[in-house]
Amino acid sequence: TFHVTPQPRVGEVTFTGLVAVTEEEMRAKLGELDRGLKFSEGDLRRGAERIYETLKERGYYQAAIEPKLKYDPLGTSVDINFNVNAGKAATVAAVNLPGQSKIAEATLRTVIKTKIGAVFSQAQLNADVQQLLAQHLAQRYLAAQIGPPDITYNDAANTVAISLPIKSGPQFSVKVEGASLTENKLRQLLPLMREGGLDAATLDDSARRISDYLQEEGYF
């Protein structure tokens, strides 16, 4: 006699105590736990870890995630409830900008929104990195290196200290010999002037883009 135990399928996934993110956003991050998929303890564990990481990115370093399971009478379906105890969001204790910046630190700080005393947000820090890069590119530091940020969490104080290294590098001038192109037009044509990064591939791509533009304008 053979007894076959069917592997249960995921039923309804719900959340209790969720903060700083909607249930719809969170479900989108838990693709392995979509309704109807085969349930496994490994997927459940990874789902809880993903919820924690998502909350941590929003400052909730002390969050605790407890999955609770409810099987149907036949054991073929299991509903999952993630009980979230988010705790208090961590605040920013320090924002340091070490390195070799050729732009004054006071000027750099005018464009970043991650401030001491504010609730930590990874998304805001990422946006600040892009703002610092844009500030460098606007002053023709096309090979500037911003970050990656080093984030140190203090569990006792529930705070984070951020170190965001900056290396401006040299200033560059982009000129096209034999054609008259304004800096605004070059910025429009060339990703390196909007995004930075100088290497052989980027320079070759820039030359091709300029050539294509001039041909479209009737220069052969």
C-alpha atoms as a PDB file:
ATOM      1  CA  THR A   1       0.000   0.000   0.000  1.00  0.00           C
ATOM      2  CA  PHE A   2       1.340   3.392  -0.973  1.00  0.00           C
ATOM      3  CA  HIS A   3       0.365   6.546   0.810  1.00  0.00           C
ATOM      4  CA  VAL A   4       0.954   9.697  -1.210  1.00  0.00           C
ATOM      5  CA  THR A   5       1.020  12.932   0.701  1.00  0.00           C
ATOM      6  CA  PRO A   6       0.370  15.846  -1.663  1.00  0.00           C
ATOM      7  CA  GLN A   7       2.607  18.872  -1.326  1.00  0.00           C
ATOM      8  CA  PRO A   8       0.421  21.737  -0.172  1.00  0.00           C
ATOM      9  CA  ARG A   9      -0.064  24.792  -2.323  1.00  0.00           C
ATOM     10  CA  VAL A  10       0.178  28.376  -1.188  1.00  0.00           C
ATOM     11  CA  GLY A  11      -3.204  29.857  -0.351  1.00  0.00           C
ATOM     12  CA  GLU A  12      -3.787  33.396   0.902  1.00  0.00           C
ATOM     13  CA  VAL A  13      -0.818  35.489   2.025  1.00  0.00           C
ATOM     14  CA  THR A  14      -1.611  38.246   4.533  1.00  0.00           C
ATOM     15  CA  PHE A  15       0.310  40.600   6.784  1.00  0.00           C
ATOM     16  CA  THR A  16      -0.277  41.891  10.300  1.00  0.00           C
ATOM     17  CA  GLY A  17       1.542  44.954  11.631  1.00  0.00           C
ATOM     18  CA  LEU A  18       3.112  45.908   8.302  1.00  0.00           C
ATOM     19  CA  VAL A  19       4.445  49.494   8.162  1.00  0.00           C
ATOM     20  CA  ALA A  20       6.183  51.760   5.633  1.00  0.00           C
ATOM     21  CA  VAL A  21       5.170  49.580   2.672  1.00  0.00           C
ATOM     22  CA  THR A  22       1.806  48.475   1.279  1.00  0.00           C
ATOM     23  CA  GLU A  23       0.677  44.863   1.227  1.00  0.00           C
ATOM     24  CA  GLU A  24       0.569  45.005  -2.580  1.00  0.00           C
ATOM     25  CA  GLU A  25       4.194  46.145  -2.755  1.00  0.00           C
ATOM     26  CA  MET A  26       5.262  43.442  -0.346  1.00  0.00           C
ATOM     27  CA  ARG A  27       3.405  40.670  -2.163  1.00  0.00           C
ATOM     28  CA  ALA A  28       5.166  41.708  -5.367  1.00  0.00           C
ATOM     29  CA  LYS A  29       8.474  40.912  -3.628  1.00  0.00           C
ATOM     30  CA  LEU A  30       7.297  37.431  -2.592  1.00  0.00           C
ATOM     31  CA  GLY A  31       6.967  35.783  -5.997  1.00  0.00           C
ATOM     32  CA  GLU A  32       7.844  32.347  -4.594  1.00  0.00           C
ATOM     33  CA  LEU A  33       4.735  32.574  -2.414  1.00  0.00           C
ATOM     34  CA  ASP A  34       2.186  33.408  -5.087  1.00  0.00           C
ATOM     35  CA  ARG A  35      -1.179  31.693  -4.641  1.00  0.00           C
ATOM     36  CA  GLY A  36      -1.221  28.211  -6.145  1.00  0.00           C
ATOM     37  CA  LEU A  37       2.519  27.593  -6.102  1.00  0.00           C
ATOM     38  CA  LYS A  38       3.968  24.653  -4.209  1.00  0.00           C
ATOM     39  CA  PHE A  39       4.665  25.558  -0.606  1.00  0.00           C
ATOM     40  CA  SER A  40       8.076  24.956   0.967  1.00  0.00           C
ATOM     41  CA  GLU A  41       9.678  25.932   4.247  1.00  0.00           C
ATOM     42  CA  GLY A  42      12.631  27.335   2.303  1.00  0.00           C
ATOM     43  CA  ASP A  43      10.414  29.723   0.341  1.00  0.00           C
ATOM     44  CA  LEU A  44       8.712  30.718   3.586  1.00  0.00           C
ATOM     45  CA  ARG A  45      12.056  31.501   5.223  1.00  0.00           C
ATOM     46  CA  ARG A  46      13.260  33.481   2.226  1.00  0.00           C
ATOM     47  CA  GLY A  47       9.971  35.392   2.184  1.00  0.00           C
ATOM     48  CA  ALA A  48      10.400  36.394   5.825  1.00  0.00           C
ATOM     49  CA  GLU A  49      13.973  37.476   5.106  1.00  0.00           C
ATOM     50  CA  ARG A  50      12.803  39.570   2.156  1.00  0.00           C
ATOM     51  CA  ILE A  51      10.212  41.291   4.322  1.00  0.00           C
ATOM     52  CA  TYR A  52      12.907  42.086   6.885  1.00  0.00           C
ATOM     53  CA  GLU A  53      15.288  43.472   4.254  1.00  0.00           C
ATOM     54  CA  THR A  54      12.514  45.621   2.803  1.00  0.00           C
ATOM     55  CA  LEU A  55      11.717  47.069   6.221  1.00  0.00           C
ATOM     56  CA  LYS A  56      15.408  47.553   7.020  1.00  0.00           C
ATOM     57  CA  GLU A  57      15.777  49.644   3.855  1.00  0.00           C
ATOM     58  CA  ARG A  58      13.131  51.916   5.381  1.00  0.00           C
ATOM     59  CA  GLY A  59      14.931  52.151   8.718  1.00  0.00           C
ATOM     60  CA  TYR A  60      13.284  49.297  10.632  1.00  0.00           C
ATOM     61  CA  TYR A  61      16.411  47.413  11.682  1.00  0.00           C
ATOM     62  CA  GLN A  62      14.712  45.966  14.748  1.00  0.00           C
ATOM     63  CA  ALA A  63      11.814  44.400  12.863  1.00  0.00           C
ATOM     64  CA  ALA A  64      10.831  40.843  13.794  1.00  0.00           C
ATOM     65  CA  ILE A  65       8.906  38.665  11.327  1.00  0.00           C
ATOM     66  CA  GLU A  66       6.893  35.654  12.503  1.00  0.00           C
ATOM     67  CA  PRO A  67       5.138  33.522   9.857  1.00  0.00           C
ATOM     68  CA  LYS A  68       1.956  31.752  10.951  1.00  0.00           C
ATOM     69  CA  LEU A  69       0.534  28.884   8.891  1.00  0.00           C
ATOM     70  CA  LYS A  70      -3.045  27.632   8.587  1.00  0.00           C
ATOM     71  CA  TYR A  71      -3.644  24.430   6.609  1.00  0.00           C
ATOM     72  CA  ASP A  72      -6.966  23.456   5.120  1.00  0.00           C
ATOM     73  CA  PRO A  73      -8.567  20.231   6.491  1.00  0.00           C
ATOM     74  CA  LEU A  74      -7.071  18.108   3.693  1.00  0.00           C
ATOM     75  CA  GLY A  75      -3.605  19.634   4.004  1.00  0.00           C
ATOM     76  CA  THR A  76      -3.571  20.614   0.337  1.00  0.00           C
ATOM     77  CA  SER A  77      -3.501  24.389   0.858  1.00  0.00           C
ATOM     78  CA  VAL A  78      -1.823  26.615   3.408  1.00  0.00           C
ATOM     79  CA  ASP A  79      -2.626  30.226   4.218  1.00  0.00           C
ATOM     80  CA  ILE A  80       0.307  32.309   5.418  1.00  0.00           C
ATOM     81  CA  ASN A  81       0.167  35.274   7.746  1.00  0.00           C
ATOM     82  CA  PHE A  82       3.352  37.246   8.332  1.00  0.00           C
ATOM     83  CA  ASN A  83       3.092  38.866  11.740  1.00  0.00           C
ATOM     84  CA  VAL A  84       5.355  41.930  11.736  1.00  0.00           C
ATOM     85  CA  ASN A  85       6.653  43.667  14.835  1.00  0.00           C
ATOM     86  CA  ALA A  86       8.399  46.590  13.150  1.00  0.00           C
ATOM     87  CA  GLY A  87       9.755  48.318  16.228  1.00  0.00           C
ATOM     88  CA  LYS A  88      10.971  51.891  16.042  1.00  0.00           C
ATOM     89  CA  ALA A  89      12.650  53.211  12.920  1.00  0.00           C
ATOM     90  CA  ALA A  90      16.363  53.980  13.165  1.00  0.00           C
ATOM     91  CA  THR A  91      17.482  57.569  12.780  1.00  0.00           C
ATOM     92  CA  VAL A  92      20.600  58.982  11.159  1.00  0.00           C
ATOM     93  CA  ALA A  93      23.370  59.782  13.647  1.00  0.00           C
ATOM     94  CA  ALA A  94      26.056  60.913  11.200  1.00  0.00           C
ATOM     95  CA  VAL A  95      26.589  61.606   7.505  1.00  0.00           C
ATOM     96  CA  ASN A  96      30.279  61.797   6.602  1.00  0.00           C
ATOM     97  CA  LEU A  97      31.664  62.638   3.166  1.00  0.00           C
ATOM     98  CA  PRO A  98      35.292  61.450   3.178  1.00  0.00           C
ATOM     99  CA  GLY A  99      37.562  61.219   0.164  1.00  0.00           C
ATOM    100  CA  GLN A 100      38.927  63.648  -2.379  1.00  0.00           C
ATOM    101  CA  SER A 101      36.117  65.963  -3.360  1.00  0.00           C
ATOM    102  CA  LYS A 102      37.015  69.051  -5.361  1.00  0.00           C
ATOM    103  CA  ILE A 103      33.609  70.558  -4.606  1.00  0.00           C
ATOM    104  CA  ALA A 104      33.237  72.161  -1.195  1.00  0.00           C
ATOM    105  CA  GLU A 105      31.559  69.906   1.366  1.00  0.00           C
ATOM    106  CA  ALA A 106      29.109  72.668   2.279  1.00  0.00           C
ATOM    107  CA  THR A 107      28.023  72.764  -1.365  1.00  0.00           C
ATOM    108  CA  LEU A 108      27.663  68.993  -1.518  1.00  0.00           C
ATOM    109  CA  ARG A 109      25.461  68.944   1.561  1.00  0.00           C
ATOM    110  CA  THR A 110      22.972  71.350  -0.032  1.00  0.00           C
ATOM    111  CA  VAL A 111      21.805  68.620  -2.437  1.00  0.00           C
ATOM    112  CA  ILE A 112      21.484  65.654  -0.066  1.00  0.00           C
ATOM    113  CA  LYS A 113      18.314  65.070   1.925  1.00  0.00           C
ATOM    114  CA  THR A 114      19.654  62.423   4.299  1.00  0.00           C
ATOM    115  CA  LYS A 115      20.060  64.524   7.440  1.00  0.00           C
ATOM    116  CA  ILE A 116      21.089  63.862  11.020  1.00  0.00           C
ATOM    117  CA  GLY A 117      18.022  63.034  13.090  1.00  0.00           C
ATOM    118  CA  ALA A 118      15.926  61.919  10.124  1.00  0.00           C
ATOM    119  CA  VAL A 119      14.567  58.385   9.795  1.00  0.00           C
ATOM    120  CA  PHE A 120      16.985  56.349   7.711  1.00  0.00           C
ATOM    121  CA  SER A 121      15.862  55.508   4.181  1.00  0.00           C
ATOM    122  CA  GLN A 122      17.950  53.490   1.740  1.00  0.00           C
ATOM    123  CA  ALA A 123      15.926  54.880  -1.165  1.00  0.00           C
ATOM    124  CA  GLN A 124      16.682  58.451  -0.078  1.00  0.00           C
ATOM    125  CA  LEU A 125      20.367  57.644   0.330  1.00  0.00           C
ATOM    126  CA  ASN A 126      20.427  56.165  -3.179  1.00  0.00           C
ATOM    127  CA  ALA A 127      18.783  59.338  -4.480  1.00  0.00           C
ATOM    128  CA  ASP A 128      21.395  61.430  -2.664  1.00  0.00           C
ATOM    129  CA  VAL A 129      24.183  59.493  -4.387  1.00  0.00           C
ATOM    130  CA  GLN A 130      22.610  60.340  -7.740  1.00  0.00           C
ATOM    131  CA  GLN A 131      22.274  64.008  -6.767  1.00  0.00           C
ATOM    132  CA  LEU A 132      25.950  64.176  -5.777  1.00  0.00           C
ATOM    133  CA  LEU A 133      26.928  62.564  -9.063  1.00  0.00           C
ATOM    134  CA  ALA A 134      24.744  65.020 -11.000  1.00  0.00           C
ATOM    135  CA  GLN A 135      26.399  67.898  -9.156  1.00  0.00           C
ATOM    136  CA  HIS A 136      29.824  66.654 -10.218  1.00  0.00           C
ATOM    137  CA  LEU A 137      28.775  66.066 -13.813  1.00  0.00           C
ATOM    138  CA  ALA A 138      27.377  69.595 -14.014  1.00  0.00           C
ATOM    139  CA  GLN A 139      30.884  70.840 -13.181  1.00  0.00           C
ATOM    140  CA  ARG A 140      32.467  68.468 -15.741  1.00  0.00           C
ATOM    141  CA  TYR A 141      33.863  65.914 -13.309  1.00  0.00           C
ATOM    142  CA  LEU A 142      32.931  63.144 -15.729  1.00  0.00           C
ATOM    143  CA  ALA A 143      34.847  60.372 -13.952  1.00  0.00           C
ATOM    144  CA  ALA A 144      33.595  61.161 -10.444  1.00  0.00           C
ATOM    145  CA  GLN A 145      33.145  58.231  -8.069  1.00  0.00           C
ATOM    146  CA  ILE A 146      30.397  58.538  -5.450  1.00  0.00           C
ATOM    147  CA  GLY A 147      30.131  55.773  -2.870  1.00  0.00           C
ATOM    148  CA  PRO A 148      29.320  53.056  -2.328  1.00  0.00           C
ATOM    149  CA  PRO A 149      28.054  54.203   1.076  1.00  0.00           C
ATOM    150  CA  ASP A 150      29.154  52.413   4.223  1.00  0.00           C
ATOM    151  CA  ILE A 151      26.252  52.116   6.677  1.00  0.00           C
ATOM    152  CA  THR A 152      26.972  51.218  10.300  1.00  0.00           C
ATOM    153  CA  TYR A 153      24.058  50.344  12.546  1.00  0.00           C
ATOM    154  CA  ASN A 154      24.220  50.953  16.305  1.00  0.00           C
ATOM    155  CA  ASP A 155      21.785  48.498  17.876  1.00  0.00           C
ATOM    156  CA  ALA A 156      21.884  50.060  21.352  1.00  0.00           C
ATOM    157  CA  ALA A 157      21.040  53.547  20.071  1.00  0.00           C
ATOM    158  CA  ASN A 158      18.983  52.368  17.086  1.00  0.00           C
ATOM    159  CA  THR A 159      20.869  54.768  14.821  1.00  0.00           C
ATOM    160  CA  VAL A 160      22.893  54.530  11.622  1.00  0.00           C
ATOM    161  CA  ALA A 161      26.124  56.299  10.747  1.00  0.00           C
ATOM    162  CA  ILE A 162      26.710  56.832   7.038  1.00  0.00           C
ATOM    163  CA  SER A 163      30.066  57.282   5.342  1.00  0.00           C
ATOM    164  CA  LEU A 164      29.764  58.250   1.683  1.00  0.00           C
ATOM    165  CA  PRO A 165      33.196  58.471   0.022  1.00  0.00           C
ATOM    166  CA  ILE A 166      33.620  60.908  -2.864  1.00  0.00           C
ATOM    167  CA  LYS A 167      36.407  61.096  -5.426  1.00  0.00           C
ATOM    168  CA  SER A 168      35.848  63.931  -7.894  1.00  0.00           C
ATOM    169  CA  GLY A 169      38.656  63.103 -10.289  1.00  0.00           C
ATOM    170  CA  PRO A 170      39.760  65.549 -13.016  1.00  0.00           C
ATOM    171  CA  GLN A 171      37.557  67.979 -14.907  1.00  0.00           C
ATOM    172  CA  PHE A 172      37.034  67.293 -18.600  1.00  0.00           C
ATOM    173  CA  SER A 173      36.056  69.426 -21.568  1.00  0.00           C
ATOM    174  CA  VAL A 174      34.178  67.756 -24.431  1.00  0.00           C
ATOM    175  CA  LYS A 175      34.825  69.384 -27.773  1.00  0.00           C
ATOM    176  CA  VAL A 176      34.011  68.301 -31.314  1.00  0.00           C
ATOM    177  CA  GLU A 177      36.543  69.438 -33.891  1.00  0.00           C
ATOM    178  CA  GLY A 178      35.129  70.453 -37.243  1.00  0.00           C
ATOM    179  CA  ALA A 179      31.565  70.956 -35.986  1.00  0.00           C
ATOM    180  CA  SER A 180      29.846  73.438 -33.724  1.00  0.00           C
ATOM    181  CA  LEU A 181      27.822  71.725 -31.006  1.00  0.00           C
ATOM    182  CA  THR A 182      26.680  73.509 -27.867  1.00  0.00           C
ATOM    183  CA  GLU A 183      27.288  71.993 -24.451  1.00  0.00           C
ATOM    184  CA  ASN A 184      23.542  71.500 -24.055  1.00  0.00           C
ATOM    185  CA  LYS A 185      23.409  69.545 -27.321  1.00  0.00           C
ATOM    186  CA  LEU A 186      26.396  67.436 -26.262  1.00  0.00           C
ATOM    187  CA  ARG A 187      24.737  66.743 -22.926  1.00  0.00           C
ATOM    188  CA  GLN A 188      21.606  65.671 -24.787  1.00  0.00           C
ATOM    189  CA  LEU A 189      23.551  63.389 -27.134  1.00  0.00           C
ATOM    190  CA  LEU A 190      26.111  61.853 -24.789  1.00  0.00           C
ATOM    191  CA  PRO A 191      25.205  59.658 -21.814  1.00  0.00           C
ATOM    192  CA  LEU A 192      28.707  60.166 -20.373  1.00  0.00           C
ATOM    193  CA  MET A 193      27.854  63.821 -19.713  1.00  0.00           C
ATOM    194  CA  ARG A 194      24.632  62.850 -17.932  1.00  0.00           C
ATOM    195  CA  GLU A 195      25.732  59.648 -16.212  1.00  0.00           C
ATOM    196  CA  GLY A 196      29.533  59.868 -16.036  1.00  0.00           C
ATOM    197  CA  GLY A 197      32.028  57.108 -16.646  1.00  0.00           C
ATOM    198  CA  LEU A 198      35.023  57.401 -18.953  1.00  0.00           C
ATOM    199  CA  ASP A 199      36.377  54.297 -20.650  1.00  0.00           C
ATOM    200  CA  ALA A 200      37.157  53.159 -24.187  1.00  0.00           C
ATOM    201  CA  ALA A 201      33.670  51.766 -24.785  1.00  0.00           C
ATOM    202  CA  THR A 202      31.982  54.974 -23.571  1.00  0.00           C
ATOM    203  CA  LEU A 203      34.228  57.141 -25.751  1.00  0.00           C
ATOM    204  CA  ASP A 204      33.590  54.965 -28.809  1.00  0.00           C
ATOM    205  CA  ASP A 205      29.846  55.160 -28.153  1.00  0.00           C
ATOM    206  CA  SER A 206      30.065  58.956 -27.815  1.00  0.00           C
ATOM    207  CA  ALA A 207      31.921  59.262 -31.141  1.00  0.00           C
ATOM    208  CA  ARG A 208      29.265  57.125 -32.838  1.00  0.00           C
ATOM    209  CA  ARG A 209      26.421  59.188 -31.398  1.00  0.00           C
ATOM    210  CA  ILE A 210      28.004  62.446 -32.572  1.00  0.00           C
ATOM    211  CA  SER A 211      28.648  60.989 -36.028  1.00  0.00           C
ATOM    212  CA  ASP A 212      25.042  59.753 -36.295  1.00  0.00           C
ATOM    213  CA  TYR A 213      23.711  63.160 -35.246  1.00  0.00           C
ATOM    214  CA  LEU A 214      25.865  65.042 -37.763  1.00  0.00           C
ATOM    215  CA  GLN A 215      24.780  62.706 -40.557  1.00  0.00           C
ATOM    216  CA  GLU A 216      21.131  63.273 -39.631  1.00  0.00           C
ATOM    217  CA  GLU A 217      21.846  66.996 -39.896  1.00  0.00           C
ATOM    218  CA  GLY A 218      23.248  66.551 -43.393  1.00  0.00           C
ATOM    219  CA  TYR A 219      26.985  66.450 -42.664  1.00  0.00           C
ATOM    220  CA  PHE A 220      28.714  63.587 -44.473  1.00  0.00           C
END
